[in-house]
PDB file of N, CA and C in Angstrom:
ATOM      1  N   MET A   1       0.823  -1.206   0.001  1.00  0.00           N
ATOM      2  CA  MET A   1      -0.002  -0.001  -0.001  1.00  0.00           C
ATOM      3  C   MET A   1       0.865   1.258   0.000  1.00  0.00           C
ATOM      4  N   ASN A   2       1.926   1.273   0.817  1.00  0.00           N
ATOM      5  CA  ASN A   2       2.808   2.440   0.879  1.00  0.00           C
ATOM      6  C   ASN A   2       3.485   2.715  -0.454  1.00  0.00           C
ATOM      7  N   VAL A   3       3.685   1.685  -1.260  1.00  0.00           N
ATOM      8  CA  VAL A   3       4.322   1.841  -2.556  1.00  0.00           C
ATOM      9  C   VAL A   3       3.455   2.675  -3.505  1.00  0.00           C
ATOM     10  N   LEU A   4       2.160   2.588  -3.340  1.00  0.00           N
ATOM     11  CA  LEU A   4       1.233   3.317  -4.212  1.00  0.00           C
ATOM     12  C   LEU A   4       0.972   4.756  -3.765  1.00  0.00           C
ATOM     13  N   ILE A   5       1.220   5.073  -2.518  1.00  0.00           N
ATOM     14  CA  ILE A   5       0.864   6.384  -2.003  1.00  0.00           C
ATOM     15  C   ILE A   5       1.685   7.501  -2.663  1.00  0.00           C
ATOM     16  N   LYS A   6       3.000   7.344  -2.772  1.00  0.00           N
ATOM     17  CA  LYS A   6       3.837   8.396  -3.372  1.00  0.00           C
ATOM     18  C   LYS A   6       3.476   8.663  -4.834  1.00  0.00           C
ATOM     19  N   PRO A   7       3.369   7.614  -5.670  1.00  0.00           N
ATOM     20  CA  PRO A   7       2.990   7.896  -7.068  1.00  0.00           C
ATOM     21  C   PRO A   7       1.594   8.511  -7.180  1.00  0.00           C
ATOM     22  N   LEU A   8       0.684   8.082  -6.331  1.00  0.00           N
ATOM     23  CA  LEU A   8      -0.665   8.633  -6.358  1.00  0.00           C
ATOM     24  C   LEU A   8      -0.655  10.110  -5.974  1.00  0.00           C
ATOM     25  N   CYS A   9       0.099  10.470  -4.965  1.00  0.00           N
ATOM     26  CA  CYS A   9       0.215  11.880  -4.551  1.00  0.00           C
ATOM     27  C   CYS A   9       0.849  12.723  -5.649  1.00  0.00           C
ATOM     28  N   ALA A  10       1.881  12.191  -6.283  1.00  0.00           N
ATOM     29  CA  ALA A  10       2.539  12.907  -7.381  1.00  0.00           C
ATOM     30  C   ALA A  10       1.564  13.131  -8.534  1.00  0.00           C
ATOM     31  N   LEU A  11       0.765  12.131  -8.851  1.00  0.00           N
ATOM     32  CA  LEU A  11      -0.219  12.251  -9.911  1.00  0.00           C
ATOM     33  C   LEU A  11      -1.263  13.319  -9.577  1.00  0.00           C
ATOM     34  N   LEU A  12      -1.728  13.345  -8.351  1.00  0.00           N
ATOM     35  CA  LEU A  12      -2.717  14.339  -7.931  1.00  0.00           C
ATOM     36  C   LEU A  12      -2.161  15.758  -8.032  1.00  0.00           C
ATOM     37  N   ILE A  13      -0.907  15.938  -7.682  1.00  0.00           N
ATOM     38  CA  ILE A  13      -0.276  17.260  -7.776  1.00  0.00           C
ATOM     39  C   ILE A  13      -0.188  17.702  -9.231  1.00  0.00           C
ATOM     40  N   VAL A  14       0.197  16.805 -10.110  1.00  0.00           N
ATOM     41  CA  VAL A  14       0.310  17.135 -11.540  1.00  0.00           C
ATOM     42  C   VAL A  14      -1.051  17.478 -12.135  1.00  0.00           C
ATOM     43  N   VAL A  15      -2.060  16.724 -11.774  1.00  0.00           N
ATOM     44  CA  VAL A  15      -3.404  16.965 -12.296  1.00  0.00           C
ATOM     45  C   VAL A  15      -3.963  18.276 -11.759  1.00  0.00           C
ATOM     46  N   ALA A  16      -3.675  18.627 -10.524  1.00  0.00           N
ATOM     47  CA  ALA A  16      -4.210  19.843  -9.922  1.00  0.00           C
ATOM     48  C   ALA A  16      -3.427  21.088 -10.319  1.00  0.00           C
ATOM     49  N   ALA A  17      -2.233  20.964 -10.843  1.00  0.00           N
ATOM     50  CA  ALA A  17      -1.383  22.110 -11.169  1.00  0.00           C
ATOM     51  C   ALA A  17      -2.066  23.138 -12.062  1.00  0.00           C
ATOM     52  N   PRO A  18      -2.782  22.743 -13.124  1.00  0.00           N
ATOM     53  CA  PRO A  18      -3.440  23.764 -13.953  1.00  0.00           C
ATOM     54  C   PRO A  18      -4.453  24.603 -13.184  1.00  0.00           C
ATOM     55  N   ALA A  19      -5.056  24.061 -12.153  1.00  0.00           N
ATOM     56  CA  ALA A  19      -6.004  24.833 -11.354  1.00  0.00           C
ATOM     57  C   ALA A  19      -5.314  25.963 -10.615  1.00  0.00           C
ATOM     58  N   TRP A  20      -4.005  25.828 -10.373  1.00  0.00           N
ATOM     59  CA  TRP A  20      -3.261  26.871  -9.677  1.00  0.00           C
ATOM     60  C   TRP A  20      -2.734  27.920 -10.638  1.00  0.00           C
ATOM     61  N   ALA A  21      -2.748  27.603 -11.944  1.00  0.00           N
ATOM     62  CA  ALA A  21      -2.201  28.523 -12.925  1.00  0.00           C
ATOM     63  C   ALA A  21      -2.994  29.823 -12.925  1.00  0.00           C
ATOM     64  N   ASP A  22      -2.294  30.905 -13.122  1.00  0.00           N
ATOM     65  CA  ASP A  22      -2.928  32.210 -13.117  1.00  0.00           C
ATOM     66  C   ASP A  22      -2.126  33.119 -14.017  1.00  0.00           C
ATOM     67  N   ILE A  23      -2.806  33.774 -14.955  1.00  0.00           N
ATOM     68  CA  ILE A  23      -2.072  34.677 -15.816  1.00  0.00           C
ATOM     69  C   ILE A  23      -1.796  35.974 -15.081  1.00  0.00           C
ATOM     70  N   SER A  24      -0.744  36.654 -15.471  1.00  0.00           N
ATOM     71  CA  SER A  24      -0.338  37.888 -14.797  1.00  0.00           C
ATOM     72  C   SER A  24      -1.165  39.075 -15.285  1.00  0.00           C
ATOM     73  N   ARG A  25      -1.023  40.170 -14.608  1.00  0.00           N
ATOM     74  CA  ARG A  25      -1.675  41.430 -14.979  1.00  0.00           C
ATOM     75  C   ARG A  25      -1.244  41.845 -16.395  1.00  0.00           C
ATOM     76  N   ASP A  26       0.051  41.714 -16.682  1.00  0.00           N
ATOM     77  CA  ASP A  26       0.570  42.090 -18.009  1.00  0.00           C
ATOM     78  C   ASP A  26       0.019  41.179 -19.108  1.00  0.00           C
ATOM     79  N   GLU A  27      -0.084  39.884 -18.819  1.00  0.00           N
ATOM     80  CA  GLU A  27      -0.635  38.950 -19.802  1.00  0.00           C
ATOM     81  C   GLU A  27      -2.115  39.253 -20.077  1.00  0.00           C
ATOM     82  N   ALA A  28      -2.846  39.644 -19.036  1.00  0.00           N
ATOM     83  CA  ALA A  28      -4.259  40.011 -19.207  1.00  0.00           C
ATOM     84  C   ALA A  28      -4.378  41.270 -20.060  1.00  0.00           C
ATOM     85  N   ALA A  29      -3.504  42.240 -19.822  1.00  0.00           N
ATOM     86  CA  ALA A  29      -3.527  43.466 -20.616  1.00  0.00           C
ATOM     87  C   ALA A  29      -3.226  43.177 -22.081  1.00  0.00           C
ATOM     88  N   ALA A  30      -2.263  42.307 -22.342  1.00  0.00           N
ATOM     89  CA  ALA A  30      -1.909  41.947 -23.711  1.00  0.00           C
ATOM     90  C   ALA A  30      -3.065  41.226 -24.405  1.00  0.00           C
ATOM     91  N   ALA A  31      -3.736  40.330 -23.672  1.00  0.00           N
ATOM     92  CA  ALA A  31      -4.878  39.599 -24.242  1.00  0.00           C
ATOM     93  C   ALA A  31      -6.010  40.566 -24.590  1.00  0.00           C
ATOM     94  N   ALA A  32      -6.259  41.540 -23.730  1.00  0.00           N
ATOM     95  CA  ALA A  32      -7.314  42.524 -23.985  1.00  0.00           C
ATOM     96  C   ALA A  32      -6.969  43.399 -25.181  1.00  0.00           C
ATOM     97  N   GLN A  33      -5.697  43.748 -25.344  1.00  0.00           N
ATOM     98  CA  GLN A  33      -5.285  44.573 -26.470  1.00  0.00           C
ATOM     99  C   GLN A  33      -5.419  43.839 -27.803  1.00  0.00           C
ATOM    100  N   ARG A  34      -5.352  42.526 -27.779  1.00  0.00           N
ATOM    101  CA  ARG A  34      -5.569  41.759 -29.012  1.00  0.00           C
ATOM    102  C   ARG A  34      -7.033  41.849 -29.447  1.00  0.00           C
ATOM    103  N   VAL A  35      -7.934  42.051 -28.480  1.00  0.00           N
ATOM    104  CA  VAL A  35      -9.371  42.144 -28.769  1.00  0.00           C
ATOM    105  C   VAL A  35      -9.747  43.578 -29.131  1.00  0.00           C
ATOM    106  N   ALA A  36      -9.251  44.531 -28.376  1.00  0.00           N
ATOM    107  CA  ALA A  36      -9.571  45.946 -28.587  1.00  0.00           C
ATOM    108  C   ALA A  36      -8.267  46.727 -28.613  1.00  0.00           C
ATOM    109  N   THR A  37      -7.769  46.990 -29.815  1.00  0.00           N
ATOM    110  CA  THR A  37      -6.497  47.715 -29.915  1.00  0.00           C
ATOM    111  C   THR A  37      -6.652  49.099 -29.299  1.00  0.00           C
ATOM    112  N   GLY A  38      -5.628  49.503 -28.602  1.00  0.00           N
ATOM    113  CA  GLY A  38      -5.646  50.802 -27.949  1.00  0.00           C
ATOM    114  C   GLY A  38      -4.735  50.796 -26.742  1.00  0.00           C
ATOM    115  N   ARG A  39      -4.924  51.797 -25.901  1.00  0.00           N
ATOM    116  CA  ARG A  39      -4.082  51.960 -24.715  1.00  0.00           C
ATOM    117  C   ARG A  39      -4.829  51.433 -23.501  1.00  0.00           C
ATOM    118  N   VAL A  40      -4.133  50.641 -22.692  1.00  0.00           N
ATOM    119  CA  VAL A  40      -4.726  50.078 -21.479  1.00  0.00           C
ATOM    120  C   VAL A  40      -4.763  51.170 -20.410  1.00  0.00           C
ATOM    121  N   LEU A  41      -5.949  51.372 -19.846  1.00  0.00           N
ATOM    122  CA  LEU A  41      -6.119  52.368 -18.793  1.00  0.00           C
ATOM    123  C   LEU A  41      -5.959  51.775 -17.406  1.00  0.00           C
ATOM    124  N   SER A  42      -6.507  50.569 -17.217  1.00  0.00           N
ATOM    125  CA  SER A  42      -6.416  49.928 -15.898  1.00  0.00           C
ATOM    126  C   SER A  42      -6.627  48.432 -16.036  1.00  0.00           C
ATOM    127  N   VAL A  43      -6.095  47.704 -15.047  1.00  0.00           N
ATOM    128  CA  VAL A  43      -6.249  46.253 -14.963  1.00  0.00           C
ATOM    129  C   VAL A  43      -6.522  45.914 -13.503  1.00  0.00           C
ATOM    130  N   ASP A  44      -7.687  45.339 -13.235  1.00  0.00           N
ATOM    131  CA  ASP A  44      -8.071  44.986 -11.863  1.00  0.00           C
ATOM    132  C   ASP A  44      -8.565  43.552 -11.824  1.00  0.00           C
ATOM    133  N   LYS A  45      -8.259  42.867 -10.728  1.00  0.00           N
ATOM    134  CA  LYS A  45      -8.751  41.499 -10.546  1.00  0.00           C
ATOM    135  C   LYS A  45     -10.100  41.553  -9.827  1.00  0.00           C
ATOM    136  N   THR A  46     -11.057  40.771 -10.354  1.00  0.00           N
ATOM    137  CA  THR A  46     -12.393  40.736  -9.778  1.00  0.00           C
ATOM    138  C   THR A  46     -13.006  39.361 -10.048  1.00  0.00           C
ATOM    139  N   GLU A  47     -14.317  39.233  -9.913  1.00  0.00           N
ATOM    140  CA  GLU A  47     -15.022  37.974 -10.175  1.00  0.00           C
ATOM    141  C   GLU A  47     -16.147  38.193 -11.160  1.00  0.00           C
ATOM    142  N   ALA A  48     -16.362  37.196 -12.013  1.00  0.00           N
ATOM    143  CA  ALA A  48     -17.503  37.168 -12.925  1.00  0.00           C
ATOM    144  C   ALA A  48     -17.983  35.730 -12.995  1.00  0.00           C
ATOM    145  N   ASP A  49     -19.249  35.540 -12.776  1.00  0.00           N
ATOM    146  CA  ASP A  49     -19.832  34.181 -12.759  1.00  0.00           C
ATOM    147  C   ASP A  49     -19.084  33.264 -11.800  1.00  0.00           C
ATOM    148  N   ARG A  50     -18.717  33.801 -10.648  1.00  0.00           N
ATOM    149  CA  ARG A  50     -18.076  33.047  -9.563  1.00  0.00           C
ATOM    150  C   ARG A  50     -16.696  32.521  -9.925  1.00  0.00           C
ATOM    151  N   ARG A  51     -16.005  33.176 -10.855  1.00  0.00           N
ATOM    152  CA  ARG A  51     -14.638  32.781 -11.180  1.00  0.00           C
ATOM    153  C   ARG A  51     -13.790  34.047 -11.292  1.00  0.00           C
ATOM    154  N   PRO A  52     -12.509  33.949 -10.960  1.00  0.00           N
ATOM    155  CA  PRO A  52     -11.657  35.126 -11.007  1.00  0.00           C
ATOM    156  C   PRO A  52     -11.368  35.571 -12.439  1.00  0.00           C
ATOM    157  N   VAL A  53     -11.466  36.864 -12.660  1.00  0.00           N
ATOM    158  CA  VAL A  53     -11.183  37.458 -13.964  1.00  0.00           C
ATOM    159  C   VAL A  53     -10.372  38.725 -13.787  1.00  0.00           C
ATOM    160  N   TRP A  54      -9.672  39.100 -14.843  1.00  0.00           N
ATOM    161  CA  TRP A  54      -9.032  40.407 -14.913  1.00  0.00           C
ATOM    162  C   TRP A  54      -9.984  41.323 -15.673  1.00  0.00           C
ATOM    163  N   ARG A  55     -10.271  42.501 -15.119  1.00  0.00           N
ATOM    164  CA  ARG A  55     -11.111  43.513 -15.766  1.00  0.00           C
ATOM    165  C   ARG A  55     -10.163  44.551 -16.342  1.00  0.00           C
ATOM    166  N   VAL A  56     -10.094  44.608 -17.666  1.00  0.00           N
ATOM    167  CA  VAL A  56      -9.129  45.474 -18.350  1.00  0.00           C
ATOM    168  C   VAL A  56      -9.902  46.574 -19.087  1.00  0.00           C
ATOM    169  N   LYS A  57      -9.580  47.830 -18.768  1.00  0.00           N
ATOM    170  CA  LYS A  57     -10.163  48.969 -19.481  1.00  0.00           C
ATOM    171  C   LYS A  57      -9.177  49.410 -20.552  1.00  0.00           C
ATOM    172  N   VAL A  58      -9.694  49.525 -21.789  1.00  0.00           N
ATOM    173  CA  VAL A  58      -8.870  49.934 -22.927  1.00  0.00           C
ATOM    174  C   VAL A  58      -9.549  51.112 -23.610  1.00  0.00           C
ATOM    175  N   VAL A  59      -8.764  52.131 -23.954  1.00  0.00           N
ATOM    176  CA  VAL A  59      -9.294  53.247 -24.753  1.00  0.00           C
ATOM    177  C   VAL A  59      -8.811  53.045 -26.186  1.00  0.00           C
ATOM    178  N   THR A  60      -9.768  52.998 -27.110  1.00  0.00           N
ATOM    179  CA  THR A  60      -9.449  52.753 -28.523  1.00  0.00           C
ATOM    180  C   THR A  60      -8.938  54.035 -29.171  1.00  0.00           C
ATOM    181  N   PRO A  61      -8.339  53.929 -30.354  1.00  0.00           N
ATOM    182  CA  PRO A  61      -7.896  55.132 -31.067  1.00  0.00           C
ATOM    183  C   PRO A  61      -9.041  56.111 -31.364  1.00  0.00           C
ATOM    184  N   GLN A  62     -10.283  55.617 -31.396  1.00  0.00           N
ATOM    185  CA  GLN A  62     -11.452  56.483 -31.631  1.00  0.00           C
ATOM    186  C   GLN A  62     -11.946  57.150 -30.344  1.00  0.00           C
ATOM    187  N   GLY A  63     -11.320  56.838 -29.217  1.00  0.00           N
ATOM    188  CA  GLY A  63     -11.701  57.430 -27.942  1.00  0.00           C
ATOM    189  C   GLY A  63     -12.739  56.643 -27.167  1.00  0.00           C
ATOM    190  N   GLU A  64     -13.129  55.503 -27.664  1.00  0.00           N
ATOM    191  CA  GLU A  64     -14.118  54.658 -26.981  1.00  0.00           C
ATOM    192  C   GLU A  64     -13.432  53.855 -25.875  1.00  0.00           C
ATOM    193  N   VAL A  65     -14.026  53.831 -24.691  1.00  0.00           N
ATOM    194  CA  VAL A  65     -13.496  53.031 -23.588  1.00  0.00           C
ATOM    195  C   VAL A  65     -14.223  51.698 -23.581  1.00  0.00           C
ATOM    196  N   ARG A  66     -13.449  50.623 -23.657  1.00  0.00           N
ATOM    197  CA  ARG A  66     -14.009  49.281 -23.639  1.00  0.00           C
ATOM    198  C   ARG A  66     -13.515  48.542 -22.404  1.00  0.00           C
ATOM    199  N   VAL A  67     -14.378  47.733 -21.819  1.00  0.00           N
ATOM    200  CA  VAL A  67     -14.016  46.887 -20.685  1.00  0.00           C
ATOM    201  C   VAL A  67     -13.998  45.453 -21.194  1.00  0.00           C
ATOM    202  N   ILE A  68     -12.842  44.810 -21.059  1.00  0.00           N
ATOM    203  CA  ILE A  68     -12.652  43.432 -21.502  1.00  0.00           C
ATOM    204  C   ILE A  68     -12.400  42.582 -20.272  1.00  0.00           C
ATOM    205  N   LEU A  69     -13.138  41.487 -20.128  1.00  0.00           N
ATOM    206  CA  LEU A  69     -12.919  40.547 -19.023  1.00  0.00           C
ATOM    207  C   LEU A  69     -12.091  39.379 -19.535  1.00  0.00           C
ATOM    208  N   ILE A  70     -10.986  39.098 -18.828  1.00  0.00           N
ATOM    209  CA  ILE A  70     -10.080  38.024 -19.180  1.00  0.00           C
ATOM    210  C   ILE A  70     -10.079  36.995 -18.053  1.00  0.00           C
ATOM    211  N   ASP A  71     -10.368  35.747 -18.393  1.00  0.00           N
ATOM    212  CA  ASP A  71     -10.355  34.662 -17.407  1.00  0.00           C
ATOM    213  C   ASP A  71      -8.949  34.573 -16.793  1.00  0.00           C
ATOM    214  N   ALA A  72      -8.867  34.654 -15.476  1.00  0.00           N
ATOM    215  CA  ALA A  72      -7.572  34.694 -14.782  1.00  0.00           C
ATOM    216  C   ALA A  72      -6.808  33.380 -14.869  1.00  0.00           C
ATOM    217  N   ALA A  73      -7.519  32.284 -15.089  1.00  0.00           N
ATOM    218  CA  ALA A  73      -6.844  30.983 -15.162  1.00  0.00           C
ATOM    219  C   ALA A  73      -6.383  30.660 -16.570  1.00  0.00           C
ATOM    220  N   SER A  74      -7.223  30.939 -17.567  1.00  0.00           N
ATOM    221  CA  SER A  74      -6.910  30.509 -18.930  1.00  0.00           C
ATOM    222  C   SER A  74      -6.379  31.612 -19.826  1.00  0.00           C
ATOM    223  N   GLY A  75      -6.673  32.867 -19.504  1.00  0.00           N
ATOM    224  CA  GLY A  75      -6.272  33.966 -20.358  1.00  0.00           C
ATOM    225  C   GLY A  75      -7.222  34.229 -21.514  1.00  0.00           C
ATOM    226  N   ARG A  76      -8.340  33.558 -21.518  1.00  0.00           N
ATOM    227  CA  ARG A  76      -9.332  33.740 -22.583  1.00  0.00           C
ATOM    228  C   ARG A  76     -10.292  34.870 -22.251  1.00  0.00           C
ATOM    229  N   VAL A  77     -10.839  35.491 -23.280  1.00  0.00           N
ATOM    230  CA  VAL A  77     -11.828  36.547 -23.108  1.00  0.00           C
ATOM    231  C   VAL A  77     -13.127  35.912 -22.604  1.00  0.00           C
ATOM    232  N   VAL A  78     -13.734  36.535 -21.597  1.00  0.00           N
ATOM    233  CA  VAL A  78     -14.984  36.045 -21.012  1.00  0.00           C
ATOM    234  C   VAL A  78     -16.141  36.820 -21.651  1.00  0.00           C
ATOM    235  N   GLY A  79     -17.174  36.078 -22.049  1.00  0.00           N
ATOM    236  CA  GLY A  79     -18.378  36.702 -22.575  1.00  0.00           C
ATOM    237  C   GLY A  79     -18.167  37.263 -23.891  1.00  0.00           C
TER     238      GLY A  79
END
């Protein structure tokens, strides 16, 4: 039984690792700029649909302010 415990624990850590992954503030800003080209005004961490997201405000070259939500775990645009 003890022989199986270490490999099982190692497997659980490897499987759970992506759940701990989190993109940085800079990565969230870059992802938002790919969606709405312009200058980033602010980047704040918050929640949407009970999951952590980065809320990125971008001002476009036309002067429009857009709010882009970026999933904090995957880096994908939310909604």
